[in-house]
Amino acid sequence: MKTDYIIVKEYCEKCHIDPSFILSLDEGGLVTLNEINGEKYLPVADLPEVEQYARMYYDLSINIEGIDVIHNMQQQIKSLHQTIKRLHDRLRIYEDDSIVDNLTDDMRLFSDKM
């Protein structure tokens, strides 16, 4: 699978972001930069998160540590949503069985009346 990259310096120039911000995200483990021939590259797949982090940092004045906390909370919420979905799907199996049991009981009552 091929991963596309963008040069950090070019991205920062186009988006009016200080390159040190992207480097701070890398140091904080929020993104993973690749270095080739002394040039830093950012995976294109990480751009939506970087844009979200930039809004938090520049518009809301949240520091890198705060962004990291928010990121971790978002990951926990996502994990909880997945757990709830799995449990809901498992519960649906039992609900379907109870419907079958109720139908069976209704059929038994009907046949007893005949």
PDB file of N, CA and C in Angstrom:
ATOM      1  N   MET A   1       0.840  -1.171   0.000  1.00  0.00           N
ATOM      2  CA  MET A   1       0.000   0.000   0.000  1.00  0.00           C
ATOM      3  C   MET A   1       0.892   1.243   0.000  1.00  0.00           C
ATOM      4  N   LYS A   2       0.658   2.129  -0.929  1.00  0.00           N
ATOM      5  CA  LYS A   2       1.466   3.330  -1.071  1.00  0.00           C
ATOM      6  C   LYS A   2       0.878   4.450  -0.208  1.00  0.00           C
ATOM      7  N   THR A   3       1.757   5.151   0.496  1.00  0.00           N
ATOM      8  CA  THR A   3       1.333   6.290   1.309  1.00  0.00           C
ATOM      9  C   THR A   3       1.829   7.562   0.643  1.00  0.00           C
ATOM     10  N   ASP A   4       0.937   8.524   0.477  1.00  0.00           N
ATOM     11  CA  ASP A   4       1.311   9.802  -0.102  1.00  0.00           C
ATOM     12  C   ASP A   4       1.758  10.743   1.006  1.00  0.00           C
ATOM     13  N   TYR A   5       2.723  11.581   0.680  1.00  0.00           N
ATOM     14  CA  TYR A   5       3.287  12.515   1.647  1.00  0.00           C
ATOM     15  C   TYR A   5       3.274  13.928   1.084  1.00  0.00           C
ATOM     16  N   ILE A   6       3.315  14.878   2.001  1.00  0.00           N
ATOM     17  CA  ILE A   6       3.434  16.283   1.626  1.00  0.00           C
ATOM     18  C   ILE A   6       4.602  16.863   2.419  1.00  0.00           C
ATOM     19  N   ILE A   7       5.338  17.763   1.786  1.00  0.00           N
ATOM     20  CA  ILE A   7       6.470  18.392   2.463  1.00  0.00           C
ATOM     21  C   ILE A   7       5.927  19.355   3.514  1.00  0.00           C
ATOM     22  N   VAL A   8       6.414  19.218   4.739  1.00  0.00           N
ATOM     23  CA  VAL A   8       5.916  20.020   5.864  1.00  0.00           C
ATOM     24  C   VAL A   8       6.069  21.505   5.579  1.00  0.00           C
ATOM     25  N   LYS A   9       7.216  21.906   5.069  1.00  0.00           N
ATOM     26  CA  LYS A   9       7.477  23.330   4.818  1.00  0.00           C
ATOM     27  C   LYS A   9       6.463  23.902   3.832  1.00  0.00           C
ATOM     28  N   GLU A  10       6.174  23.162   2.760  1.00  0.00           N
ATOM     29  CA  GLU A  10       5.209  23.637   1.760  1.00  0.00           C
ATOM     30  C   GLU A  10       3.797  23.694   2.335  1.00  0.00           C
ATOM     31  N   TYR A  11       3.431  22.673   3.094  1.00  0.00           N
ATOM     32  CA  TYR A  11       2.111  22.654   3.721  1.00  0.00           C
ATOM     33  C   TYR A  11       1.941  23.848   4.661  1.00  0.00           C
ATOM     34  N   CYS A  12       2.956  24.109   5.450  1.00  0.00           N
ATOM     35  CA  CYS A  12       2.892  25.217   6.407  1.00  0.00           C
ATOM     36  C   CYS A  12       2.793  26.567   5.701  1.00  0.00           C
ATOM     37  N   GLU A  13       3.499  26.720   4.591  1.00  0.00           N
ATOM     38  CA  GLU A  13       3.424  27.969   3.836  1.00  0.00           C
ATOM     39  C   GLU A  13       2.020  28.178   3.274  1.00  0.00           C
ATOM     40  N   LYS A  14       1.425  27.132   2.714  1.00  0.00           N
ATOM     41  CA  LYS A  14       0.090  27.248   2.123  1.00  0.00           C
ATOM     42  C   LYS A  14      -0.978  27.498   3.177  1.00  0.00           C
ATOM     43  N   CYS A  15      -0.800  26.915   4.364  1.00  0.00           N
ATOM     44  CA  CYS A  15      -1.826  27.009   5.407  1.00  0.00           C
ATOM     45  C   CYS A  15      -1.509  28.074   6.460  1.00  0.00           C
ATOM     46  N   HIS A  16      -0.401  28.775   6.278  1.00  0.00           N
ATOM     47  CA  HIS A  16       0.015  29.826   7.224  1.00  0.00           C
ATOM     48  C   HIS A  16       0.159  29.271   8.641  1.00  0.00           C
ATOM     49  N   ILE A  17       0.880  28.177   8.731  1.00  0.00           N
ATOM     50  CA  ILE A  17       1.152  27.516  10.006  1.00  0.00           C
ATOM     51  C   ILE A  17       2.655  27.535  10.226  1.00  0.00           C
ATOM     52  N   ASP A  18       3.054  27.752  11.453  1.00  0.00           N
ATOM     53  CA  ASP A  18       4.473  27.720  11.801  1.00  0.00           C
ATOM     54  C   ASP A  18       4.957  26.269  11.759  1.00  0.00           C
ATOM     55  N   PRO A  19       6.019  25.974  11.007  1.00  0.00           N
ATOM     56  CA  PRO A  19       6.522  24.596  10.936  1.00  0.00           C
ATOM     57  C   PRO A  19       6.868  24.004  12.305  1.00  0.00           C
ATOM     58  N   SER A  20       7.225  24.847  13.252  1.00  0.00           N
ATOM     59  CA  SER A  20       7.552  24.328  14.583  1.00  0.00           C
ATOM     60  C   SER A  20       6.321  23.690  15.248  1.00  0.00           C
ATOM     61  N   PHE A  21       5.122  24.145  14.858  1.00  0.00           N
ATOM     62  CA  PHE A  21       3.900  23.539  15.375  1.00  0.00           C
ATOM     63  C   PHE A  21       3.813  22.078  14.927  1.00  0.00           C
ATOM     64  N   ILE A  22       4.070  21.820  13.646  1.00  0.00           N
ATOM     65  CA  ILE A  22       4.032  20.453  13.113  1.00  0.00           C
ATOM     66  C   ILE A  22       5.106  19.599  13.784  1.00  0.00           C
ATOM     67  N   LEU A  23       6.279  20.181  13.987  1.00  0.00           N
ATOM     68  CA  LEU A  23       7.352  19.453  14.660  1.00  0.00           C
ATOM     69  C   LEU A  23       6.958  19.126  16.099  1.00  0.00           C
ATOM     70  N   SER A  24       6.249  20.036  16.761  1.00  0.00           N
ATOM     71  CA  SER A  24       5.767  19.789  18.125  1.00  0.00           C
ATOM     72  C   SER A  24       4.756  18.650  18.146  1.00  0.00           C
ATOM     73  N   LEU A  25       3.905  18.598  17.136  1.00  0.00           N
ATOM     74  CA  LEU A  25       2.950  17.491  17.041  1.00  0.00           C
ATOM     75  C   LEU A  25       3.693  16.162  16.893  1.00  0.00           C
ATOM     76  N   ASP A  26       4.761  16.179  16.106  1.00  0.00           N
ATOM     77  CA  ASP A  26       5.577  14.976  15.918  1.00  0.00           C
ATOM     78  C   ASP A  26       6.242  14.582  17.234  1.00  0.00           C
ATOM     79  N   GLU A  27       6.816  15.536  17.931  1.00  0.00           N
ATOM     80  CA  GLU A  27       7.472  15.254  19.210  1.00  0.00           C
ATOM     81  C   GLU A  27       6.475  14.743  20.245  1.00  0.00           C
ATOM     82  N   GLY A  28       5.239  15.236  20.175  1.00  0.00           N
ATOM     83  CA  GLY A  28       4.197  14.811  21.104  1.00  0.00           C
ATOM     84  C   GLY A  28       3.556  13.488  20.723  1.00  0.00           C
ATOM     85  N   GLY A  29       3.932  12.931  19.577  1.00  0.00           N
ATOM     86  CA  GLY A  29       3.401  11.648  19.142  1.00  0.00           C
ATOM     87  C   GLY A  29       2.027  11.736  18.493  1.00  0.00           C
ATOM     88  N   LEU A  30       1.579  12.948  18.158  1.00  0.00           N
ATOM     89  CA  LEU A  30       0.262  13.113  17.545  1.00  0.00           C
ATOM     90  C   LEU A  30       0.286  12.863  16.041  1.00  0.00           C
ATOM     91  N   VAL A  31       1.426  13.064  15.420  1.00  0.00           N
ATOM     92  CA  VAL A  31       1.637  12.732  14.009  1.00  0.00           C
ATOM     93  C   VAL A  31       3.015  12.092  13.899  1.00  0.00           C
ATOM     94  N   THR A  32       3.245  11.433  12.787  1.00  0.00           N
ATOM     95  CA  THR A  32       4.555  10.824  12.550  1.00  0.00           C
ATOM     96  C   THR A  32       5.116  11.391  11.256  1.00  0.00           C
ATOM     97  N   LEU A  33       6.180  12.133  11.394  1.00  0.00           N
ATOM     98  CA  LEU A  33       6.842  12.719  10.228  1.00  0.00           C
ATOM     99  C   LEU A  33       7.919  11.772   9.724  1.00  0.00           C
ATOM    100  N   ASN A  34       8.131  11.780   8.441  1.00  0.00           N
ATOM    101  CA  ASN A  34       9.237  11.043   7.829  1.00  0.00           C
ATOM    102  C   ASN A  34      10.250  12.057   7.343  1.00  0.00           C
ATOM    103  N   GLU A  35      11.511  11.690   7.426  1.00  0.00           N
ATOM    104  CA  GLU A  35      12.564  12.584   6.944  1.00  0.00           C
ATOM    105  C   GLU A  35      13.311  11.896   5.810  1.00  0.00           C
ATOM    106  N   ILE A  36      13.384  12.612   4.693  1.00  0.00           N
ATOM    107  CA  ILE A  36      14.116  12.114   3.528  1.00  0.00           C
ATOM    108  C   ILE A  36      15.027  13.234   3.060  1.00  0.00           C
ATOM    109  N   ASN A  37      16.330  12.955   3.031  1.00  0.00           N
ATOM    110  CA  ASN A  37      17.340  13.943   2.609  1.00  0.00           C
ATOM    111  C   ASN A  37      17.201  15.260   3.357  1.00  0.00           C
ATOM    112  N   GLY A  38      16.945  15.171   4.660  1.00  0.00           N
ATOM    113  CA  GLY A  38      16.862  16.374   5.484  1.00  0.00           C
ATOM    114  C   GLY A  38      15.539  17.121   5.394  1.00  0.00           C
ATOM    115  N   GLU A  39      14.612  16.646   4.581  1.00  0.00           N
ATOM    116  CA  GLU A  39      13.302  17.291   4.405  1.00  0.00           C
ATOM    117  C   GLU A  39      12.255  16.496   5.169  1.00  0.00           C
ATOM    118  N   LYS A  40      11.410  17.197   5.930  1.00  0.00           N
ATOM    119  CA  LYS A  40      10.348  16.544   6.713  1.00  0.00           C
ATOM    120  C   LYS A  40       9.103  16.375   5.847  1.00  0.00           C
ATOM    121  N   TYR A  41       8.505  15.186   5.934  1.00  0.00           N
ATOM    122  CA  TYR A  41       7.301  14.861   5.176  1.00  0.00           C
ATOM    123  C   TYR A  41       6.202  14.413   6.134  1.00  0.00           C
ATOM    124  N   LEU A  42       4.980  14.824   5.806  1.00  0.00           N
ATOM    125  CA  LEU A  42       3.802  14.490   6.589  1.00  0.00           C
ATOM    126  C   LEU A  42       2.891  13.605   5.734  1.00  0.00           C
ATOM    127  N   PRO A  43       2.407  12.475   6.282  1.00  0.00           N
ATOM    128  CA  PRO A  43       1.478  11.651   5.501  1.00  0.00           C
ATOM    129  C   PRO A  43       0.191  12.431   5.192  1.00  0.00           C
ATOM    130  N   VAL A  44      -0.249  12.366   3.960  1.00  0.00           N
ATOM    131  CA  VAL A  44      -1.457  13.071   3.543  1.00  0.00           C
ATOM    132  C   VAL A  44      -2.656  12.589   4.363  1.00  0.00           C
ATOM    133  N   ALA A  45      -2.660  11.326   4.766  1.00  0.00           N
ATOM    134  CA  ALA A  45      -3.761  10.774   5.560  1.00  0.00           C
ATOM    135  C   ALA A  45      -3.905  11.486   6.910  1.00  0.00           C
ATOM    136  N   ASP A  46      -2.825  12.106   7.393  1.00  0.00           N
ATOM    137  CA  ASP A  46      -2.857  12.806   8.684  1.00  0.00           C
ATOM    138  C   ASP A  46      -3.359  14.248   8.569  1.00  0.00           C
ATOM    139  N   LEU A  47      -3.578  14.738   7.358  1.00  0.00           N
ATOM    140  CA  LEU A  47      -3.956  16.148   7.190  1.00  0.00           C
ATOM    141  C   LEU A  47      -5.242  16.544   7.914  1.00  0.00           C
ATOM    142  N   PRO A  48      -6.302  15.729   7.881  1.00  0.00           N
ATOM    143  CA  PRO A  48      -7.510  16.149   8.621  1.00  0.00           C
ATOM    144  C   PRO A  48      -7.249  16.345  10.112  1.00  0.00           C
ATOM    145  N   GLU A  49      -6.457  15.460  10.706  1.00  0.00           N
ATOM    146  CA  GLU A  49      -6.126  15.613  12.124  1.00  0.00           C
ATOM    147  C   GLU A  49      -5.253  16.838  12.349  1.00  0.00           C
ATOM    148  N   VAL A  50      -4.286  17.069  11.477  1.00  0.00           N
ATOM    149  CA  VAL A  50      -3.412  18.229  11.614  1.00  0.00           C
ATOM    150  C   VAL A  50      -4.235  19.513  11.531  1.00  0.00           C
ATOM    151  N   GLU A  51      -5.192  19.553  10.628  1.00  0.00           N
ATOM    152  CA  GLU A  51      -6.052  20.733  10.511  1.00  0.00           C
ATOM    153  C   GLU A  51      -6.868  20.938  11.789  1.00  0.00           C
ATOM    154  N   GLN A  52      -7.365  19.842  12.354  1.00  0.00           N
ATOM    155  CA  GLN A  52      -8.115  19.931  13.607  1.00  0.00           C
ATOM    156  C   GLN A  52      -7.198  20.425  14.732  1.00  0.00           C
ATOM    157  N   TYR A  53      -5.998  19.884  14.815  1.00  0.00           N
ATOM    158  CA  TYR A  53      -5.045  20.309  15.840  1.00  0.00           C
ATOM    159  C   TYR A  53      -4.685  21.781  15.670  1.00  0.00           C
ATOM    160  N   ALA A  54      -4.526  22.219  14.420  1.00  0.00           N
ATOM    161  CA  ALA A  54      -4.176  23.614  14.156  1.00  0.00           C
ATOM    162  C   ALA A  54      -5.294  24.552  14.611  1.00  0.00           C
ATOM    163  N   ARG A  55      -6.542  24.159  14.379  1.00  0.00           N
ATOM    164  CA  ARG A  55      -7.665  24.983  14.857  1.00  0.00           C
ATOM    165  C   ARG A  55      -7.662  25.071  16.377  1.00  0.00           C
ATOM    166  N   MET A  56      -7.406  23.948  17.028  1.00  0.00           N
ATOM    167  CA  MET A  56      -7.345  23.959  18.492  1.00  0.00           C
ATOM    168  C   MET A  56      -6.226  24.885  18.983  1.00  0.00           C
ATOM    169  N   TYR A  57      -5.081  24.779  18.327  1.00  0.00           N
ATOM    170  CA  TYR A  57      -3.893  25.512  18.758  1.00  0.00           C
ATOM    171  C   TYR A  57      -4.011  27.007  18.464  1.00  0.00           C
ATOM    172  N   TYR A  58      -4.369  27.339  17.235  1.00  0.00           N
ATOM    173  CA  TYR A  58      -4.375  28.747  16.828  1.00  0.00           C
ATOM    174  C   TYR A  58      -5.682  29.461  17.171  1.00  0.00           C
ATOM    175  N   ASP A  59      -6.805  28.800  17.009  1.00  0.00           N
ATOM    176  CA  ASP A  59      -8.092  29.465  17.239  1.00  0.00           C
ATOM    177  C   ASP A  59      -8.534  29.403  18.698  1.00  0.00           C
ATOM    178  N   LEU A  60      -8.231  28.301  19.378  1.00  0.00           N
ATOM    179  CA  LEU A  60      -8.699  28.113  20.751  1.00  0.00           C
ATOM    180  C   LEU A  60      -7.592  28.256  21.786  1.00  0.00           C
ATOM    181  N   SER A  61      -6.360  28.461  21.319  1.00  0.00           N
ATOM    182  CA  SER A  61      -5.194  28.636  22.205  1.00  0.00           C
ATOM    183  C   SER A  61      -4.976  27.442  23.134  1.00  0.00           C
ATOM    184  N   ILE A  62      -5.172  26.246  22.604  1.00  0.00           N
ATOM    185  CA  ILE A  62      -4.922  25.030  23.376  1.00  0.00           C
ATOM    186  C   ILE A  62      -3.496  24.586  23.074  1.00  0.00           C
ATOM    187  N   ASN A  63      -2.713  24.346  24.114  1.00  0.00           N
ATOM    188  CA  ASN A  63      -1.322  23.949  23.900  1.00  0.00           C
ATOM    189  C   ASN A  63      -1.229  22.485  23.460  1.00  0.00           C
ATOM    190  N   ILE A  64      -0.039  22.055  23.097  1.00  0.00           N
ATOM    191  CA  ILE A  64       0.177  20.710  22.564  1.00  0.00           C
ATOM    192  C   ILE A  64      -0.262  19.649  23.578  1.00  0.00           C
ATOM    193  N   GLU A  65       0.033  19.880  24.857  1.00  0.00           N
ATOM    194  CA  GLU A  65      -0.353  18.918  25.887  1.00  0.00           C
ATOM    195  C   GLU A  65      -1.881  18.797  25.960  1.00  0.00           C
ATOM    196  N   GLY A  66      -2.576  19.914  25.839  1.00  0.00           N
ATOM    197  CA  GLY A  66      -4.038  19.901  25.848  1.00  0.00           C
ATOM    198  C   GLY A  66      -4.590  19.189  24.625  1.00  0.00           C
ATOM    199  N   ILE A  67      -3.960  19.423  23.487  1.00  0.00           N
ATOM    200  CA  ILE A  67      -4.374  18.740  22.257  1.00  0.00           C
ATOM    201  C   ILE A  67      -4.197  17.234  22.418  1.00  0.00           C
ATOM    202  N   ASP A  68      -3.099  16.827  23.060  1.00  0.00           N
ATOM    203  CA  ASP A  68      -2.850  15.410  23.295  1.00  0.00           C
ATOM    204  C   ASP A  68      -3.934  14.809  24.189  1.00  0.00           C
ATOM    205  N   VAL A  69      -4.331  15.526  25.234  1.00  0.00           N
ATOM    206  CA  VAL A  69      -5.396  15.048  26.124  1.00  0.00           C
ATOM    207  C   VAL A  69      -6.704  14.906  25.347  1.00  0.00           C
ATOM    208  N   ILE A  70      -7.044  15.906  24.540  1.00  0.00           N
ATOM    209  CA  ILE A  70      -8.272  15.856  23.739  1.00  0.00           C
ATOM    210  C   ILE A  70      -8.219  14.685  22.763  1.00  0.00           C
ATOM    211  N   HIS A  71      -7.073  14.491  22.128  1.00  0.00           N
ATOM    212  CA  HIS A  71      -6.903  13.373  21.194  1.00  0.00           C
ATOM    213  C   HIS A  71      -7.142  12.038  21.894  1.00  0.00           C
ATOM    214  N   ASN A  72      -6.551  11.877  23.085  1.00  0.00           N
ATOM    215  CA  ASN A  72      -6.722  10.626  23.833  1.00  0.00           C
ATOM    216  C   ASN A  72      -8.182  10.417  24.233  1.00  0.00           C
ATOM    217  N   MET A  73      -8.853  11.477  24.637  1.00  0.00           N
ATOM    218  CA  MET A  73     -10.266  11.369  24.995  1.00  0.00           C
ATOM    219  C   MET A  73     -11.109  10.990  23.779  1.00  0.00           C
ATOM    220  N   GLN A  74     -10.802  11.568  22.620  1.00  0.00           N
ATOM    221  CA  GLN A  74     -11.522  11.219  21.401  1.00  0.00           C
ATOM    222  C   GLN A  74     -11.329   9.743  21.059  1.00  0.00           C
ATOM    223  N   GLN A  75     -10.112   9.244  21.246  1.00  0.00           N
ATOM    224  CA  GLN A  75      -9.838   7.825  20.977  1.00  0.00           C
ATOM    225  C   GLN A  75     -10.617   6.935  21.943  1.00  0.00           C
ATOM    226  N   GLN A  76     -10.697   7.337  23.216  1.00  0.00           N
ATOM    227  CA  GLN A  76     -11.457   6.555  24.192  1.00  0.00           C
ATOM    228  C   GLN A  76     -12.939   6.551  23.846  1.00  0.00           C
ATOM    229  N   ILE A  77     -13.474   7.708  23.456  1.00  0.00           N
ATOM    230  CA  ILE A  77     -14.885   7.788  23.069  1.00  0.00           C
ATOM    231  C   ILE A  77     -15.152   6.898  21.858  1.00  0.00           C
ATOM    232  N   LYS A  78     -14.257   6.932  20.881  1.00  0.00           N
ATOM    233  CA  LYS A  78     -14.414   6.087  19.693  1.00  0.00           C
ATOM    234  C   LYS A  78     -14.408   4.609  20.087  1.00  0.00           C
ATOM    235  N   SER A  79     -13.510   4.231  20.981  1.00  0.00           N
ATOM    236  CA  SER A  79     -13.433   2.852  21.443  1.00  0.00           C
ATOM    237  C   SER A  79     -14.706   2.458  22.188  1.00  0.00           C
ATOM    238  N   LEU A  80     -15.228   3.352  23.016  1.00  0.00           N
ATOM    239  CA  LEU A  80     -16.464   3.068  23.742  1.00  0.00           C
ATOM    240  C   LEU A  80     -17.642   2.915  22.784  1.00  0.00           C
ATOM    241  N   HIS A  81     -17.689   3.743  21.757  1.00  0.00           N
ATOM    242  CA  HIS A  81     -18.750   3.622  20.749  1.00  0.00           C
ATOM    243  C   HIS A  81     -18.689   2.261  20.058  1.00  0.00           C
ATOM    244  N   GLN A  82     -17.485   1.811  19.735  1.00  0.00           N
ATOM    245  CA  GLN A  82     -17.330   0.504  19.092  1.00  0.00           C
ATOM    246  C   GLN A  82     -17.773  -0.617  20.029  1.00  0.00           C
ATOM    247  N   THR A  83     -17.436  -0.495  21.320  1.00  0.00           N
ATOM    248  CA  THR A  83     -17.849  -1.487  22.304  1.00  0.00           C
ATOM    249  C   THR A  83     -19.363  -1.521  22.441  1.00  0.00           C
ATOM    250  N   ILE A  84     -19.980  -0.355  22.503  1.00  0.00           N
ATOM    251  CA  ILE A  84     -21.438  -0.277  22.603  1.00  0.00           C
ATOM    252  C   ILE A  84     -22.085  -0.919  21.381  1.00  0.00           C
ATOM    253  N   LYS A  85     -21.544  -0.657  20.197  1.00  0.00           N
ATOM    254  CA  LYS A  85     -22.103  -1.241  18.978  1.00  0.00           C
ATOM    255  C   LYS A  85     -21.998  -2.759  19.008  1.00  0.00           C
ATOM    256  N   ARG A  86     -20.826  -3.271  19.417  1.00  0.00           N
ATOM    257  CA  ARG A  86     -20.658  -4.727  19.499  1.00  0.00           C
ATOM    258  C   ARG A  86     -21.647  -5.333  20.492  1.00  0.00           C
ATOM    259  N   LEU A  87     -21.792  -4.701  21.653  1.00  0.00           N
ATOM    260  CA  LEU A  87     -22.721  -5.209  22.660  1.00  0.00           C
ATOM    261  C   LEU A  87     -24.165  -5.128  22.166  1.00  0.00           C
ATOM    262  N   HIS A  88     -24.480  -4.065  21.484  1.00  0.00           N
ATOM    263  CA  HIS A  88     -25.829  -3.914  20.926  1.00  0.00           C
ATOM    264  C   HIS A  88     -26.115  -5.011  19.909  1.00  0.00           C
ATOM    265  N   ASP A  89     -25.131  -5.292  19.065  1.00  0.00           N
ATOM    266  CA  ASP A  89     -25.297  -6.353  18.068  1.00  0.00           C
ATOM    267  C   ASP A  89     -25.473  -7.716  18.738  1.00  0.00           C
ATOM    268  N   ARG A  90     -24.729  -7.952  19.801  1.00  0.00           N
ATOM    269  CA  ARG A  90     -24.875  -9.219  20.524  1.00  0.00           C
ATOM    270  C   ARG A  90     -26.230  -9.293  21.203  1.00  0.00           C
ATOM    271  N   LEU A  91     -26.691  -8.201  21.752  1.00  0.00           N
ATOM    272  CA  LEU A  91     -27.993  -8.168  22.403  1.00  0.00           C
ATOM    273  C   LEU A  91     -29.113  -8.425  21.406  1.00  0.00           C
ATOM    274  N   ARG A  92     -28.951  -7.927  20.199  1.00  0.00           N
ATOM    275  CA  ARG A  92     -29.958  -8.121  19.156  1.00  0.00           C
ATOM    276  C   ARG A  92     -30.183  -9.611  18.891  1.00  0.00           C
ATOM    277  N   ILE A  93     -29.148 -10.414  18.992  1.00  0.00           N
ATOM    278  CA  ILE A  93     -29.280 -11.857  18.797  1.00  0.00           C
ATOM    279  C   ILE A  93     -30.251 -12.427  19.827  1.00  0.00           C
ATOM    280  N   TYR A  94     -30.099 -12.014  21.078  1.00  0.00           N
ATOM    281  CA  TYR A  94     -30.976 -12.520  22.139  1.00  0.00           C
ATOM    282  C   TYR A  94     -32.392 -11.976  21.991  1.00  0.00           C
ATOM    283  N   GLU A  95     -32.510 -10.745  21.544  1.00  0.00           N
ATOM    284  CA  GLU A  95     -33.839 -10.180  21.314  1.00  0.00           C
ATOM    285  C   GLU A  95     -34.556 -10.962  20.216  1.00  0.00           C
ATOM    286  N   ASP A  96     -33.852 -11.322  19.171  1.00  0.00           N
ATOM    287  CA  ASP A  96     -34.443 -12.101  18.086  1.00  0.00           C
ATOM    288  C   ASP A  96     -34.887 -13.464  18.595  1.00  0.00           C
ATOM    289  N   ASP A  97     -34.082 -14.085  19.471  1.00  0.00           N
ATOM    290  CA  ASP A  97     -34.451 -15.374  20.043  1.00  0.00           C
ATOM    291  C   ASP A  97     -35.703 -15.255  20.901  1.00  0.00           C
ATOM    292  N   SER A  98     -35.846 -14.170  21.634  1.00  0.00           N
ATOM    293  CA  SER A  98     -37.029 -14.013  22.481  1.00  0.00           C
ATOM    294  C   SER A  98     -38.278 -13.837  21.624  1.00  0.00           C
ATOM    295  N   ILE A  99     -38.144 -13.211  20.475  1.00  0.00           N
ATOM    296  CA  ILE A  99     -39.278 -13.079  19.551  1.00  0.00           C
ATOM    297  C   ILE A  99     -39.696 -14.454  19.062  1.00  0.00           C
ATOM    298  N   VAL A 100     -38.715 -15.265  18.719  1.00  0.00           N
ATOM    299  CA  VAL A 100     -39.007 -16.627  18.264  1.00  0.00           C
ATOM    300  C   VAL A 100     -39.684 -17.407  19.390  1.00  0.00           C
ATOM    301  N   ASP A 101     -39.189 -17.264  20.624  1.00  0.00           N
ATOM    302  CA  ASP A 101     -39.797 -17.944  21.764  1.00  0.00           C
ATOM    303  C   ASP A 101     -41.241 -17.495  21.965  1.00  0.00           C
ATOM    304  N   ASN A 102     -41.483 -16.196  21.849  1.00  0.00           N
ATOM    305  CA  ASN A 102     -42.851 -15.682  22.000  1.00  0.00           C
ATOM    306  C   ASN A 102     -43.763 -16.225  20.908  1.00  0.00           C
ATOM    307  N   LEU A 103     -43.269 -16.282  19.683  1.00  0.00           N
ATOM    308  CA  LEU A 103     -44.067 -16.831  18.597  1.00  0.00           C
ATOM    309  C   LEU A 103     -44.365 -18.307  18.830  1.00  0.00           C
ATOM    310  N   THR A 104     -43.371 -19.024  19.314  1.00  0.00           N
ATOM    311  CA  THR A 104     -43.551 -20.441  19.607  1.00  0.00           C
ATOM    312  C   THR A 104     -44.620 -20.621  20.685  1.00  0.00           C
ATOM    313  N   ASP A 105     -44.557 -19.797  21.732  1.00  0.00           N
ATOM    314  CA  ASP A 105     -45.563 -19.851  22.802  1.00  0.00           C
ATOM    315  C   ASP A 105     -46.954 -19.527  22.251  1.00  0.00           C
ATOM    316  N   ASP A 106     -47.037 -18.508  21.402  1.00  0.00           N
ATOM    317  CA  ASP A 106     -48.328 -18.128  20.803  1.00  0.00           C
ATOM    318  C   ASP A 106     -48.874 -19.259  19.938  1.00  0.00           C
ATOM    319  N   MET A 107     -47.990 -19.895  19.168  1.00  0.00           N
ATOM    320  CA  MET A 107     -48.432 -21.000  18.327  1.00  0.00           C
ATOM    321  C   MET A 107     -48.916 -22.173  19.193  1.00  0.00           C
ATOM    322  N   ARG A 108     -48.258 -22.426  20.299  1.00  0.00           N
ATOM    323  CA  ARG A 108     -48.638 -23.506  21.200  1.00  0.00           C
ATOM    324  C   ARG A 108     -50.024 -23.219  21.791  1.00  0.00           C
ATOM    325  N   LEU A 109     -50.236 -21.975  22.204  1.00  0.00           N
ATOM    326  CA  LEU A 109     -51.544 -21.591  22.749  1.00  0.00           C
ATOM    327  C   LEU A 109     -52.640 -21.741  21.689  1.00  0.00           C
ATOM    328  N   PHE A 110     -52.324 -21.348  20.477  1.00  0.00           N
ATOM    329  CA  PHE A 110     -53.287 -21.456  19.379  1.00  0.00           C
ATOM    330  C   PHE A 110     -53.629 -22.911  19.098  1.00  0.00           C
ATOM    331  N   SER A 111     -52.607 -23.763  19.069  1.00  0.00           N
ATOM    332  CA  SER A 111     -52.840 -25.174  18.777  1.00  0.00           C
ATOM    333  C   SER A 111     -53.592 -25.857  19.906  1.00  0.00           C
ATOM    334  N   ASP A 112     -53.370 -25.412  21.155  1.00  0.00           N
ATOM    335  CA  ASP A 112     -54.093 -25.974  22.293  1.00  0.00           C
ATOM    336  C   ASP A 112     -55.580 -25.658  22.211  1.00  0.00           C
ATOM    337  N   LYS A 113     -55.924 -24.527  21.634  1.00  0.00           N
ATOM    338  CA  LYS A 113     -57.328 -24.110  21.515  1.00  0.00           C
ATOM    339  C   LYS A 113     -58.034 -24.896  20.434  1.00  0.00           C
ATOM    340  N   MET A 114     -57.286 -25.451  19.504  1.00  0.00           N
ATOM    341  CA  MET A 114     -57.924 -26.186  18.405  1.00  0.00           C
ATOM    342  C   MET A 114     -58.124 -27.569  18.828  1.00  0.00           C
TER     343      MET A 114
END
